[in-house]
Amino acid sequence: MLLAVDTSTRMVGIALYDGIQVLAETAWTSQGHHTVELAPAVAEMLVRTGVTPGDLSALGVATGPGSFTALRIGLAFAKGLAFSEHIPLIGVPTLDVLAAAQPLADKLFVAVLAAGRKRLAVGWYHSVNRQWQSTGRLESLTLDGLADSITEPTIVCGELDEEARQRLGRKYKNVQLTSPAQSVRRPAVLAELAWKRWEAGDDAHPATLSPIYLHHGEPIPG
């Protein structure tokens, strides 16, 4: 049994997954109360599904990019639980969760999320071997910076408010916006990705797993 936790932004998500089915999934928009909301939500999910912490075999956690404080809360919770239960912890880049849930297409794909101070964390992907694969290009951009960066037909998915959708929508020849429902990060997808990485032996010691932070205007190589 794997518990997945995503606190990368105001959108918080948790899920339980056993490799065959999703037993439970919850996502909500927090008003900055991640610290007081996360642990009770996980406890309620475990009770509701009849799962105990001792039944968990692994943990999956979104590693960012995202909000500094929000990411820190999720990582601290996951690390504490992994240490106490002596189970593996698998980190998954947050933007990979968005990309993994989208249909494949023969064009660029951009996953975005709110990074604070009117900045967007932006990851670029292309279709390789029947999956979206990161190009290694990860940036912190303004909305205008993102719009200016799109020069060919590109799918854009993620946390976009009304202003962002209108601004990007003006580039209708090059921008294909996913619907709001498609743009929500699903913790069940995070759980499935973490499970696959765990099966492949791609887990990390809780003490060494680090979040991905983006500095404004500074791209991070893959």
N, C-alpha and C. Protein backbone atom coordinates (compact mmCIF):
# COMPACT_ATOMS: atom_id res chain seq x y z
N MET A 1 0.85 -1.19 0.00
CA MET A 1 0.00 0.00 0.00
C MET A 1 0.88 1.25 0.00
N LEU A 2 0.56 2.20 -0.87
CA LEU A 2 1.35 3.43 -0.97
C LEU A 2 0.45 4.63 -0.71
N LEU A 3 0.94 5.54 0.12
CA LEU A 3 0.28 6.81 0.38
C LEU A 3 1.01 7.89 -0.39
N ALA A 4 0.27 8.68 -1.18
CA ALA A 4 0.85 9.78 -1.95
C ALA A 4 0.41 11.11 -1.35
N VAL A 5 1.35 12.06 -1.28
CA VAL A 5 1.10 13.38 -0.69
C VAL A 5 1.63 14.46 -1.62
N ASP A 6 0.79 15.44 -1.93
CA ASP A 6 1.19 16.57 -2.77
C ASP A 6 0.74 17.87 -2.11
N THR A 7 1.71 18.67 -1.66
CA THR A 7 1.41 19.99 -1.09
C THR A 7 2.21 21.07 -1.81
N SER A 8 2.41 20.90 -3.11
CA SER A 8 3.29 21.80 -3.85
C SER A 8 2.79 23.24 -3.90
N THR A 9 1.48 23.41 -3.92
CA THR A 9 0.89 24.75 -4.02
C THR A 9 -0.30 24.82 -3.06
N ARG A 10 -1.20 25.76 -3.30
CA ARG A 10 -2.42 25.81 -2.48
C ARG A 10 -3.28 24.57 -2.69
N MET A 11 -3.14 23.93 -3.84
CA MET A 11 -3.86 22.69 -4.10
C MET A 11 -3.14 21.55 -3.40
N VAL A 12 -3.84 20.90 -2.48
CA VAL A 12 -3.29 19.79 -1.70
C VAL A 12 -3.98 18.50 -2.11
N GLY A 13 -3.24 17.41 -2.20
CA GLY A 13 -3.85 16.15 -2.59
C GLY A 13 -3.21 14.97 -1.88
N ILE A 14 -4.02 13.96 -1.55
CA ILE A 14 -3.53 12.71 -0.97
C ILE A 14 -4.28 11.55 -1.62
N ALA A 15 -3.63 10.39 -1.69
CA ALA A 15 -4.26 9.22 -2.29
C ALA A 15 -3.65 7.96 -1.72
N LEU A 16 -4.44 6.89 -1.73
CA LEU A 16 -3.99 5.55 -1.35
C LEU A 16 -4.06 4.66 -2.58
N TYR A 17 -3.00 3.89 -2.80
CA TYR A 17 -2.90 3.08 -4.02
C TYR A 17 -2.21 1.77 -3.68
N ASP A 18 -2.73 0.65 -4.21
CA ASP A 18 -2.14 -0.65 -3.88
C ASP A 18 -1.52 -1.35 -5.08
N GLY A 19 -1.30 -0.61 -6.16
CA GLY A 19 -0.71 -1.20 -7.35
C GLY A 19 -1.74 -1.75 -8.32
N ILE A 20 -2.95 -1.92 -7.86
CA ILE A 20 -4.03 -2.43 -8.70
C ILE A 20 -5.17 -1.43 -8.82
N GLN A 21 -5.45 -0.74 -7.70
CA GLN A 21 -6.54 0.23 -7.73
C GLN A 21 -6.26 1.37 -6.77
N VAL A 22 -6.96 2.48 -7.01
CA VAL A 22 -6.91 3.64 -6.12
C VAL A 22 -7.98 3.45 -5.06
N LEU A 23 -7.57 3.29 -3.81
CA LEU A 23 -8.52 3.05 -2.73
C LEU A 23 -9.20 4.34 -2.28
N ALA A 24 -8.48 5.44 -2.37
CA ALA A 24 -9.05 6.72 -1.95
C ALA A 24 -8.23 7.85 -2.55
N GLU A 25 -8.90 8.97 -2.81
CA GLU A 25 -8.23 10.14 -3.37
C GLU A 25 -8.97 11.39 -2.91
N THR A 26 -8.23 12.37 -2.42
CA THR A 26 -8.82 13.63 -1.98
C THR A 26 -7.92 14.78 -2.41
N ALA A 27 -8.54 15.84 -2.92
CA ALA A 27 -7.80 17.05 -3.28
C ALA A 27 -8.63 18.26 -2.90
N TRP A 28 -7.97 19.29 -2.42
CA TRP A 28 -8.68 20.51 -2.03
C TRP A 28 -7.74 21.70 -2.12
N THR A 29 -8.34 22.89 -2.19
CA THR A 29 -7.58 24.13 -2.19
C THR A 29 -7.49 24.64 -0.76
N SER A 30 -6.28 24.69 -0.24
CA SER A 30 -6.06 25.17 1.12
C SER A 30 -5.86 26.68 1.12
N GLN A 31 -6.32 27.31 2.15
CA GLN A 31 -6.12 28.75 2.31
C GLN A 31 -4.88 29.01 3.16
N GLY A 32 -3.82 28.29 2.85
CA GLY A 32 -2.57 28.48 3.58
C GLY A 32 -2.52 27.74 4.90
N HIS A 33 -3.36 26.71 5.05
CA HIS A 33 -3.42 25.98 6.31
C HIS A 33 -2.92 24.54 6.15
N HIS A 34 -1.93 24.35 5.30
CA HIS A 34 -1.41 23.02 5.05
C HIS A 34 -1.01 22.30 6.34
N THR A 35 -0.37 23.02 7.24
CA THR A 35 0.15 22.40 8.46
C THR A 35 -0.94 21.75 9.29
N VAL A 36 -2.08 22.43 9.43
CA VAL A 36 -3.14 21.92 10.29
C VAL A 36 -4.12 21.02 9.54
N GLU A 37 -4.08 21.03 8.21
CA GLU A 37 -5.04 20.26 7.44
C GLU A 37 -4.51 18.90 6.98
N LEU A 38 -3.21 18.81 6.71
CA LEU A 38 -2.68 17.61 6.07
C LEU A 38 -2.79 16.36 6.94
N ALA A 39 -2.24 16.40 8.15
CA ALA A 39 -2.24 15.20 8.99
C ALA A 39 -3.66 14.70 9.30
N PRO A 40 -4.61 15.58 9.69
CA PRO A 40 -5.97 15.10 9.92
C PRO A 40 -6.62 14.50 8.67
N ALA A 41 -6.32 15.07 7.50
CA ALA A 41 -6.90 14.53 6.26
C ALA A 41 -6.37 13.13 5.97
N VAL A 42 -5.07 12.92 6.20
CA VAL A 42 -4.49 11.59 6.01
C VAL A 42 -5.08 10.61 7.02
N ALA A 43 -5.19 11.03 8.28
CA ALA A 43 -5.74 10.15 9.31
C ALA A 43 -7.18 9.75 8.98
N GLU A 44 -7.97 10.71 8.50
CA GLU A 44 -9.36 10.42 8.13
C GLU A 44 -9.42 9.44 6.96
N MET A 45 -8.55 9.62 5.97
CA MET A 45 -8.53 8.72 4.83
C MET A 45 -8.17 7.30 5.26
N LEU A 46 -7.20 7.16 6.14
CA LEU A 46 -6.80 5.83 6.62
C LEU A 46 -7.95 5.15 7.36
N VAL A 47 -8.63 5.91 8.21
CA VAL A 47 -9.76 5.34 8.95
C VAL A 47 -10.88 4.93 8.01
N ARG A 48 -11.16 5.79 7.05
CA ARG A 48 -12.26 5.55 6.12
C ARG A 48 -12.03 4.30 5.27
N THR A 49 -10.77 4.01 4.98
CA THR A 49 -10.45 2.86 4.13
C THR A 49 -10.04 1.63 4.94
N GLY A 50 -9.97 1.78 6.26
CA GLY A 50 -9.57 0.66 7.09
C GLY A 50 -8.10 0.32 6.99
N VAL A 51 -7.29 1.30 6.61
CA VAL A 51 -5.85 1.12 6.48
C VAL A 51 -5.15 1.75 7.69
N THR A 52 -4.14 1.09 8.21
CA THR A 52 -3.36 1.63 9.31
C THR A 52 -1.99 2.07 8.79
N PRO A 53 -1.29 2.94 9.51
CA PRO A 53 0.06 3.31 9.07
C PRO A 53 0.96 2.10 8.89
N GLY A 54 0.74 1.05 9.70
CA GLY A 54 1.53 -0.15 9.57
C GLY A 54 1.28 -0.92 8.29
N ASP A 55 0.16 -0.63 7.61
CA ASP A 55 -0.15 -1.30 6.34
C ASP A 55 0.58 -0.67 5.16
N LEU A 56 1.15 0.51 5.38
CA LEU A 56 1.81 1.22 4.30
C LEU A 56 3.17 0.58 4.00
N SER A 57 3.42 0.37 2.72
CA SER A 57 4.70 -0.20 2.30
C SER A 57 5.64 0.86 1.72
N ALA A 58 5.08 1.99 1.32
CA ALA A 58 5.88 3.05 0.72
C ALA A 58 5.10 4.36 0.74
N LEU A 59 5.82 5.44 0.55
CA LEU A 59 5.23 6.78 0.47
C LEU A 59 5.70 7.45 -0.81
N GLY A 60 4.80 8.18 -1.45
CA GLY A 60 5.16 8.99 -2.60
C GLY A 60 4.88 10.45 -2.28
N VAL A 61 5.78 11.33 -2.66
CA VAL A 61 5.60 12.75 -2.34
C VAL A 61 6.02 13.59 -3.54
N ALA A 62 5.24 14.63 -3.82
CA ALA A 62 5.58 15.58 -4.88
C ALA A 62 6.72 16.47 -4.39
N THR A 63 7.76 16.59 -5.20
CA THR A 63 8.97 17.29 -4.77
C THR A 63 9.10 18.70 -5.33
N GLY A 64 8.10 19.16 -6.07
CA GLY A 64 8.17 20.51 -6.58
C GLY A 64 8.56 20.53 -8.05
N PRO A 65 8.68 21.73 -8.59
CA PRO A 65 8.69 23.02 -7.91
C PRO A 65 7.32 23.41 -7.36
N GLY A 66 7.33 24.50 -6.59
CA GLY A 66 6.11 24.97 -5.98
C GLY A 66 6.40 26.01 -4.93
N SER A 67 5.46 26.19 -4.02
CA SER A 67 5.63 27.14 -2.93
C SER A 67 6.64 26.61 -1.92
N PHE A 68 7.58 27.45 -1.50
CA PHE A 68 8.62 27.03 -0.57
C PHE A 68 8.01 26.45 0.71
N THR A 69 7.09 27.18 1.32
CA THR A 69 6.50 26.72 2.58
C THR A 69 5.64 25.49 2.39
N ALA A 70 4.82 25.49 1.35
CA ALA A 70 3.92 24.35 1.11
C ALA A 70 4.71 23.08 0.85
N LEU A 71 5.74 23.16 0.02
CA LEU A 71 6.57 21.99 -0.25
C LEU A 71 7.23 21.48 1.02
N ARG A 72 7.74 22.39 1.83
CA ARG A 72 8.43 22.01 3.06
C ARG A 72 7.50 21.23 3.99
N ILE A 73 6.25 21.64 4.06
CA ILE A 73 5.28 20.97 4.93
C ILE A 73 5.03 19.54 4.46
N GLY A 74 4.81 19.37 3.16
CA GLY A 74 4.56 18.04 2.63
C GLY A 74 5.75 17.12 2.77
N LEU A 75 6.95 17.63 2.47
CA LEU A 75 8.16 16.82 2.60
C LEU A 75 8.41 16.43 4.05
N ALA A 76 8.20 17.38 4.97
CA ALA A 76 8.42 17.08 6.38
C ALA A 76 7.47 16.00 6.87
N PHE A 77 6.20 16.10 6.46
CA PHE A 77 5.22 15.09 6.86
C PHE A 77 5.60 13.72 6.32
N ALA A 78 5.92 13.66 5.02
CA ALA A 78 6.25 12.38 4.39
C ALA A 78 7.52 11.78 4.99
N LYS A 79 8.51 12.62 5.24
CA LYS A 79 9.76 12.11 5.82
C LYS A 79 9.53 11.58 7.22
N GLY A 80 8.73 12.31 8.02
CA GLY A 80 8.45 11.85 9.38
C GLY A 80 7.74 10.51 9.40
N LEU A 81 6.77 10.33 8.51
CA LEU A 81 6.04 9.07 8.44
C LEU A 81 6.94 7.94 7.92
N ALA A 82 7.78 8.25 6.95
CA ALA A 82 8.69 7.24 6.41
C ALA A 82 9.68 6.77 7.47
N PHE A 83 10.19 7.70 8.25
CA PHE A 83 11.11 7.34 9.33
C PHE A 83 10.43 6.49 10.39
N SER A 84 9.22 6.92 10.80
CA SER A 84 8.54 6.23 11.89
C SER A 84 8.09 4.83 11.50
N GLU A 85 7.72 4.64 10.23
CA GLU A 85 7.24 3.33 9.77
C GLU A 85 8.33 2.51 9.06
N HIS A 86 9.52 3.11 8.91
CA HIS A 86 10.66 2.42 8.28
C HIS A 86 10.30 1.92 6.88
N ILE A 87 9.75 2.85 6.07
CA ILE A 87 9.34 2.48 4.70
C ILE A 87 9.99 3.44 3.70
N PRO A 88 10.11 3.00 2.44
CA PRO A 88 10.75 3.84 1.41
C PRO A 88 9.94 5.09 1.11
N LEU A 89 10.65 6.12 0.68
CA LEU A 89 10.04 7.38 0.27
C LEU A 89 10.44 7.66 -1.16
N ILE A 90 9.46 7.87 -2.02
CA ILE A 90 9.71 8.08 -3.45
C ILE A 90 9.29 9.50 -3.82
N GLY A 91 10.23 10.27 -4.34
CA GLY A 91 9.92 11.62 -4.77
C GLY A 91 9.59 11.68 -6.25
N VAL A 92 8.58 12.49 -6.59
CA VAL A 92 8.16 12.65 -7.99
C VAL A 92 8.04 14.16 -8.27
N PRO A 93 8.73 14.68 -9.29
CA PRO A 93 8.58 16.09 -9.64
C PRO A 93 7.11 16.44 -9.89
N THR A 94 6.68 17.54 -9.33
CA THR A 94 5.27 17.90 -9.37
C THR A 94 4.72 18.05 -10.79
N LEU A 95 5.51 18.67 -11.67
CA LEU A 95 5.02 18.89 -13.03
C LEU A 95 4.89 17.58 -13.80
N ASP A 96 5.65 16.56 -13.41
CA ASP A 96 5.50 15.24 -14.05
C ASP A 96 4.11 14.66 -13.79
N VAL A 97 3.53 15.01 -12.64
CA VAL A 97 2.19 14.51 -12.31
C VAL A 97 1.17 15.07 -13.30
N LEU A 98 1.29 16.36 -13.60
CA LEU A 98 0.39 16.96 -14.59
C LEU A 98 0.57 16.33 -15.96
N ALA A 99 1.82 16.17 -16.37
CA ALA A 99 2.09 15.65 -17.71
C ALA A 99 1.61 14.22 -17.88
N ALA A 100 1.80 13.39 -16.85
CA ALA A 100 1.47 11.97 -16.96
C ALA A 100 -0.02 11.73 -17.19
N ALA A 101 -0.85 12.67 -16.80
CA ALA A 101 -2.30 12.48 -16.90
C ALA A 101 -2.88 12.93 -18.24
N GLN A 102 -2.04 13.51 -19.12
CA GLN A 102 -2.56 14.10 -20.35
C GLN A 102 -2.41 13.18 -21.55
N PRO A 103 -3.36 13.22 -22.48
CA PRO A 103 -3.25 12.42 -23.71
C PRO A 103 -2.01 12.85 -24.51
N LEU A 104 -1.40 11.91 -25.19
CA LEU A 104 -0.22 12.21 -25.99
C LEU A 104 -0.62 12.94 -27.27
N ALA A 105 0.31 13.76 -27.76
CA ALA A 105 0.07 14.49 -29.00
C ALA A 105 1.42 14.79 -29.65
N ASP A 106 1.38 15.06 -30.94
CA ASP A 106 2.60 15.34 -31.69
C ASP A 106 2.90 16.83 -31.66
N LYS A 107 3.09 17.36 -30.46
CA LYS A 107 3.44 18.77 -30.29
C LYS A 107 4.05 18.94 -28.91
N LEU A 108 4.59 20.10 -28.65
CA LEU A 108 5.16 20.38 -27.33
C LEU A 108 4.07 20.40 -26.27
N PHE A 109 4.45 20.08 -25.05
CA PHE A 109 3.53 20.14 -23.92
C PHE A 109 4.20 20.95 -22.82
N VAL A 110 3.46 21.89 -22.23
CA VAL A 110 3.98 22.72 -21.16
C VAL A 110 3.11 22.53 -19.92
N ALA A 111 3.73 22.17 -18.81
CA ALA A 111 3.03 22.04 -17.53
C ALA A 111 3.42 23.23 -16.67
N VAL A 112 2.42 23.86 -16.05
CA VAL A 112 2.69 25.07 -15.25
C VAL A 112 1.98 24.98 -13.91
N LEU A 113 2.54 25.67 -12.93
CA LEU A 113 1.85 25.85 -11.66
C LEU A 113 2.26 27.18 -11.05
N ALA A 114 1.42 27.68 -10.17
CA ALA A 114 1.69 28.97 -9.54
C ALA A 114 2.89 28.85 -8.61
N ALA A 115 3.85 29.77 -8.75
CA ALA A 115 5.06 29.73 -7.93
C ALA A 115 5.16 30.94 -7.01
N GLY A 116 4.10 31.77 -6.95
CA GLY A 116 4.09 32.93 -6.07
C GLY A 116 4.69 34.16 -6.73
N ARG A 117 4.31 35.34 -6.22
CA ARG A 117 4.82 36.62 -6.72
C ARG A 117 4.61 36.78 -8.22
N LYS A 118 3.46 36.31 -8.66
CA LYS A 118 3.07 36.41 -10.06
C LYS A 118 4.03 35.69 -11.00
N ARG A 119 4.67 34.64 -10.48
CA ARG A 119 5.54 33.81 -11.30
C ARG A 119 4.90 32.45 -11.53
N LEU A 120 5.32 31.80 -12.60
CA LEU A 120 4.87 30.45 -12.91
C LEU A 120 6.08 29.53 -13.00
N ALA A 121 5.96 28.34 -12.41
CA ALA A 121 6.95 27.30 -12.62
C ALA A 121 6.54 26.56 -13.89
N VAL A 122 7.45 26.47 -14.84
CA VAL A 122 7.12 25.97 -16.17
C VAL A 122 8.06 24.82 -16.55
N GLY A 123 7.46 23.69 -16.91
CA GLY A 123 8.23 22.54 -17.38
C GLY A 123 7.83 22.19 -18.80
N TRP A 124 8.80 21.86 -19.63
CA TRP A 124 8.57 21.57 -21.05
C TRP A 124 8.73 20.08 -21.30
N TYR A 125 7.82 19.51 -22.10
CA TYR A 125 7.80 18.07 -22.35
C TYR A 125 7.58 17.80 -23.83
N HIS A 126 8.04 16.61 -24.28
CA HIS A 126 7.68 16.11 -25.60
C HIS A 126 7.35 14.63 -25.50
N SER A 127 6.67 14.13 -26.50
CA SER A 127 6.21 12.75 -26.49
C SER A 127 7.33 11.81 -26.95
N VAL A 128 7.70 10.88 -26.07
CA VAL A 128 8.75 9.90 -26.37
C VAL A 128 8.32 8.55 -25.83
N ASN A 129 8.36 7.53 -26.67
CA ASN A 129 8.03 6.17 -26.24
C ASN A 129 6.67 6.10 -25.51
N ARG A 130 5.69 6.75 -26.12
CA ARG A 130 4.32 6.70 -25.63
C ARG A 130 4.15 7.30 -24.22
N GLN A 131 4.94 8.32 -23.93
CA GLN A 131 4.75 9.04 -22.68
C GLN A 131 5.34 10.45 -22.83
N TRP A 132 4.86 11.34 -21.98
CA TRP A 132 5.42 12.69 -21.96
C TRP A 132 6.73 12.64 -21.19
N GLN A 133 7.79 13.11 -21.82
CA GLN A 133 9.11 13.10 -21.20
C GLN A 133 9.64 14.52 -21.11
N SER A 134 10.18 14.87 -19.96
CA SER A 134 10.71 16.22 -19.78
C SER A 134 11.87 16.47 -20.73
N THR A 135 11.92 17.68 -21.28
CA THR A 135 13.05 18.08 -22.13
C THR A 135 14.24 18.52 -21.28
N GLY A 136 14.00 18.63 -19.96
CA GLY A 136 15.04 19.14 -19.07
C GLY A 136 14.97 20.64 -18.87
N ARG A 137 14.03 21.27 -19.54
CA ARG A 137 13.87 22.72 -19.44
C ARG A 137 12.84 23.04 -18.36
N LEU A 138 13.30 23.65 -17.28
CA LEU A 138 12.45 23.99 -16.14
C LEU A 138 12.75 25.43 -15.76
N GLU A 139 11.71 26.28 -15.77
CA GLU A 139 11.94 27.71 -15.62
C GLU A 139 10.92 28.37 -14.69
N SER A 140 11.31 29.51 -14.15
CA SER A 140 10.41 30.40 -13.45
C SER A 140 10.16 31.60 -14.35
N LEU A 141 8.89 31.75 -14.80
CA LEU A 141 8.57 32.79 -15.77
C LEU A 141 7.37 33.62 -15.33
N THR A 142 7.31 34.83 -15.82
CA THR A 142 6.09 35.61 -15.70
C THR A 142 5.11 35.09 -16.74
N LEU A 143 3.87 35.51 -16.64
CA LEU A 143 2.87 35.11 -17.63
C LEU A 143 3.28 35.59 -19.02
N ASP A 144 3.74 36.83 -19.12
CA ASP A 144 4.18 37.35 -20.41
C ASP A 144 5.40 36.59 -20.92
N GLY A 145 6.29 36.22 -20.00
CA GLY A 145 7.47 35.47 -20.39
C GLY A 145 7.10 34.11 -20.96
N LEU A 146 6.09 33.47 -20.35
CA LEU A 146 5.63 32.19 -20.87
C LEU A 146 5.03 32.36 -22.25
N ALA A 147 4.17 33.35 -22.40
CA ALA A 147 3.52 33.60 -23.69
C ALA A 147 4.55 33.84 -24.78
N ASP A 148 5.57 34.63 -24.46
CA ASP A 148 6.60 34.94 -25.45
C ASP A 148 7.46 33.72 -25.79
N SER A 149 7.52 32.74 -24.86
CA SER A 149 8.36 31.55 -25.08
C SER A 149 7.70 30.54 -26.01
N ILE A 150 6.40 30.67 -26.21
CA ILE A 150 5.67 29.71 -27.04
C ILE A 150 5.63 30.19 -28.48
N THR A 151 6.40 29.53 -29.32
CA THR A 151 6.53 29.97 -30.71
C THR A 151 6.09 28.90 -31.71
N GLU A 152 5.55 27.80 -31.22
CA GLU A 152 5.05 26.73 -32.08
C GLU A 152 3.85 26.09 -31.40
N PRO A 153 3.04 25.29 -32.10
CA PRO A 153 1.88 24.67 -31.48
C PRO A 153 2.24 23.91 -30.20
N THR A 154 1.61 24.30 -29.10
CA THR A 154 1.99 23.79 -27.78
C THR A 154 0.75 23.60 -26.91
N ILE A 155 0.68 22.49 -26.22
CA ILE A 155 -0.38 22.25 -25.24
C ILE A 155 0.07 22.85 -23.91
N VAL A 156 -0.80 23.62 -23.27
CA VAL A 156 -0.48 24.25 -21.98
C VAL A 156 -1.47 23.75 -20.94
N CYS A 157 -0.94 23.26 -19.83
CA CYS A 157 -1.78 22.64 -18.80
C CYS A 157 -1.30 23.03 -17.42
N GLY A 158 -2.24 23.33 -16.53
CA GLY A 158 -1.85 23.58 -15.14
C GLY A 158 -2.64 24.68 -14.48
N GLU A 159 -2.06 25.22 -13.42
CA GLU A 159 -2.73 26.23 -12.59
C GLU A 159 -2.72 27.58 -13.29
N LEU A 160 -3.81 27.90 -13.96
CA LEU A 160 -3.93 29.16 -14.68
C LEU A 160 -5.21 29.85 -14.27
N ASP A 161 -5.09 31.10 -13.84
CA ASP A 161 -6.28 31.85 -13.47
C ASP A 161 -6.92 32.45 -14.72
N GLU A 162 -7.98 33.23 -14.53
CA GLU A 162 -8.71 33.78 -15.67
C GLU A 162 -7.83 34.66 -16.54
N GLU A 163 -7.01 35.50 -15.89
CA GLU A 163 -6.14 36.39 -16.65
C GLU A 163 -5.16 35.59 -17.51
N ALA A 164 -4.59 34.52 -16.92
CA ALA A 164 -3.62 33.72 -17.66
C ALA A 164 -4.27 33.02 -18.84
N ARG A 165 -5.46 32.50 -18.63
CA ARG A 165 -6.15 31.81 -19.72
C ARG A 165 -6.49 32.78 -20.86
N GLN A 166 -6.90 33.98 -20.51
CA GLN A 166 -7.22 34.96 -21.54
C GLN A 166 -5.96 35.39 -22.29
N ARG A 167 -4.89 35.62 -21.55
CA ARG A 167 -3.64 36.08 -22.18
C ARG A 167 -3.08 35.01 -23.12
N LEU A 168 -3.04 33.77 -22.66
CA LEU A 168 -2.51 32.70 -23.49
C LEU A 168 -3.47 32.35 -24.62
N GLY A 169 -4.76 32.51 -24.35
CA GLY A 169 -5.76 32.19 -25.36
C GLY A 169 -5.67 33.07 -26.59
N ARG A 170 -5.05 34.24 -26.44
CA ARG A 170 -4.89 35.13 -27.59
C ARG A 170 -3.92 34.55 -28.62
N LYS A 171 -3.08 33.62 -28.15
CA LYS A 171 -2.15 32.97 -29.07
C LYS A 171 -2.76 31.65 -29.57
N TYR A 172 -4.01 31.75 -30.01
CA TYR A 172 -4.77 30.55 -30.32
C TYR A 172 -4.12 29.69 -31.40
N LYS A 173 -3.29 30.29 -32.26
CA LYS A 173 -2.64 29.51 -33.31
C LYS A 173 -1.56 28.59 -32.75
N ASN A 174 -0.97 28.97 -31.62
CA ASN A 174 0.11 28.19 -31.04
C ASN A 174 -0.21 27.58 -29.69
N VAL A 175 -1.25 28.05 -29.00
CA VAL A 175 -1.56 27.57 -27.66
C VAL A 175 -2.85 26.77 -27.63
N GLN A 176 -2.78 25.55 -27.13
CA GLN A 176 -3.96 24.73 -26.89
C GLN A 176 -4.08 24.54 -25.39
N LEU A 177 -5.04 25.22 -24.76
CA LEU A 177 -5.22 25.15 -23.32
C LEU A 177 -6.05 23.92 -22.95
N THR A 178 -5.58 23.16 -21.97
CA THR A 178 -6.40 22.07 -21.45
C THR A 178 -7.52 22.65 -20.60
N SER A 179 -8.58 21.89 -20.42
CA SER A 179 -9.72 22.37 -19.64
C SER A 179 -9.34 22.47 -18.17
N PRO A 180 -10.09 23.23 -17.37
CA PRO A 180 -9.80 23.31 -15.93
C PRO A 180 -9.78 21.95 -15.25
N ALA A 181 -10.68 21.05 -15.64
CA ALA A 181 -10.71 19.73 -15.02
C ALA A 181 -9.45 18.93 -15.36
N GLN A 182 -8.97 19.06 -16.60
CA GLN A 182 -7.75 18.38 -17.00
C GLN A 182 -6.50 18.98 -16.35
N SER A 183 -6.63 20.20 -15.85
CA SER A 183 -5.48 20.93 -15.33
C SER A 183 -5.24 20.70 -13.84
N VAL A 184 -6.09 19.93 -13.20
CA VAL A 184 -5.94 19.65 -11.77
C VAL A 184 -4.92 18.53 -11.57
N ARG A 185 -3.96 18.73 -10.67
CA ARG A 185 -3.02 17.66 -10.33
C ARG A 185 -3.74 16.60 -9.51
N ARG A 186 -3.75 15.37 -10.01
CA ARG A 186 -4.44 14.31 -9.30
C ARG A 186 -3.46 13.51 -8.45
N PRO A 187 -3.72 13.43 -7.15
CA PRO A 187 -2.84 12.65 -6.28
C PRO A 187 -2.79 11.17 -6.65
N ALA A 188 -3.86 10.66 -7.29
CA ALA A 188 -3.84 9.26 -7.72
C ALA A 188 -2.79 9.04 -8.80
N VAL A 189 -2.59 10.03 -9.66
CA VAL A 189 -1.55 9.94 -10.68
C VAL A 189 -0.17 9.97 -10.02
N LEU A 190 -0.01 10.85 -9.04
CA LEU A 190 1.23 10.87 -8.26
C LEU A 190 1.50 9.51 -7.64
N ALA A 191 0.46 8.90 -7.07
CA ALA A 191 0.60 7.59 -6.43
C ALA A 191 1.05 6.53 -7.43
N GLU A 192 0.45 6.56 -8.62
CA GLU A 192 0.80 5.57 -9.64
C GLU A 192 2.24 5.75 -10.12
N LEU A 193 2.66 7.00 -10.32
CA LEU A 193 4.04 7.26 -10.72
C LEU A 193 5.02 6.82 -9.64
N ALA A 194 4.69 7.13 -8.39
CA ALA A 194 5.57 6.74 -7.28
C ALA A 194 5.66 5.23 -7.17
N TRP A 195 4.54 4.55 -7.37
CA TRP A 195 4.53 3.08 -7.30
C TRP A 195 5.47 2.48 -8.35
N LYS A 196 5.38 2.99 -9.59
CA LYS A 196 6.23 2.49 -10.67
C LYS A 196 7.71 2.73 -10.36
N ARG A 197 8.02 3.89 -9.80
CA ARG A 197 9.41 4.19 -9.47
C ARG A 197 9.89 3.32 -8.30
N TRP A 198 9.01 3.06 -7.38
CA TRP A 198 9.34 2.19 -6.26
C TRP A 198 9.64 0.78 -6.76
N GLU A 199 8.78 0.27 -7.66
CA GLU A 199 9.00 -1.06 -8.21
C GLU A 199 10.32 -1.14 -8.97
N ALA A 200 10.72 -0.01 -9.56
CA ALA A 200 11.98 0.02 -10.32
C ALA A 200 13.18 0.25 -9.40
N GLY A 201 12.93 0.38 -8.10
CA GLY A 201 14.02 0.59 -7.15
C GLY A 201 14.47 2.03 -7.05
N ASP A 202 13.63 2.95 -7.53
CA ASP A 202 14.01 4.37 -7.55
C ASP A 202 13.45 5.09 -6.33
N ASP A 203 13.83 4.62 -5.13
CA ASP A 203 13.38 5.29 -3.91
C ASP A 203 14.57 6.00 -3.27
N ALA A 204 14.28 6.87 -2.33
CA ALA A 204 15.33 7.66 -1.69
C ALA A 204 15.23 7.53 -0.17
N HIS A 205 16.37 7.69 0.50
CA HIS A 205 16.33 7.73 1.95
C HIS A 205 15.68 9.05 2.36
N PRO A 206 14.78 9.02 3.34
CA PRO A 206 14.08 10.25 3.73
C PRO A 206 15.01 11.42 4.04
N ALA A 207 16.18 11.13 4.56
CA ALA A 207 17.08 12.21 4.94
C ALA A 207 17.71 12.91 3.74
N THR A 208 17.74 12.24 2.60
CA THR A 208 18.44 12.81 1.44
C THR A 208 17.50 13.39 0.39
N LEU A 209 16.20 13.11 0.48
CA LEU A 209 15.27 13.62 -0.52
C LEU A 209 15.09 15.12 -0.35
N SER A 210 15.29 15.86 -1.43
CA SER A 210 15.22 17.32 -1.38
C SER A 210 14.16 17.85 -2.34
N PRO A 211 13.53 18.97 -1.99
CA PRO A 211 12.54 19.58 -2.89
C PRO A 211 13.22 20.31 -4.04
N ILE A 212 12.47 20.54 -5.10
CA ILE A 212 12.95 21.31 -6.25
C ILE A 212 12.44 22.74 -6.09
N TYR A 213 13.37 23.67 -5.92
CA TYR A 213 13.00 25.08 -5.83
C TYR A 213 13.51 25.82 -7.06
N LEU A 214 12.71 26.75 -7.55
CA LEU A 214 13.10 27.56 -8.69
C LEU A 214 13.37 28.99 -8.23
N HIS A 215 14.51 29.54 -8.62
CA HIS A 215 14.78 30.95 -8.37
C HIS A 215 14.23 31.77 -9.52
N HIS A 216 13.69 32.91 -9.22
CA HIS A 216 13.06 33.73 -10.23
C HIS A 216 14.03 34.05 -11.37
N GLY A 217 13.56 33.73 -12.60
CA GLY A 217 14.35 34.07 -13.77
C GLY A 217 15.52 33.15 -14.02
N GLU A 218 15.66 32.11 -13.21
CA GLU A 218 16.81 31.22 -13.35
C GLU A 218 16.37 29.82 -13.78
N PRO A 219 16.68 29.42 -15.01
CA PRO A 219 16.31 28.07 -15.43
C PRO A 219 17.16 27.03 -14.74
N ILE A 220 16.61 25.86 -14.54
CA ILE A 220 17.33 24.76 -13.93
C ILE A 220 17.51 23.67 -14.98
N PRO A 221 18.73 23.25 -15.25
CA PRO A 221 18.93 22.21 -16.25
C PRO A 221 18.41 20.88 -15.76
N GLY A 222 18.11 19.95 -16.69
CA GLY A 222 17.61 18.64 -16.31
C GLY A 222 18.68 17.79 -15.69
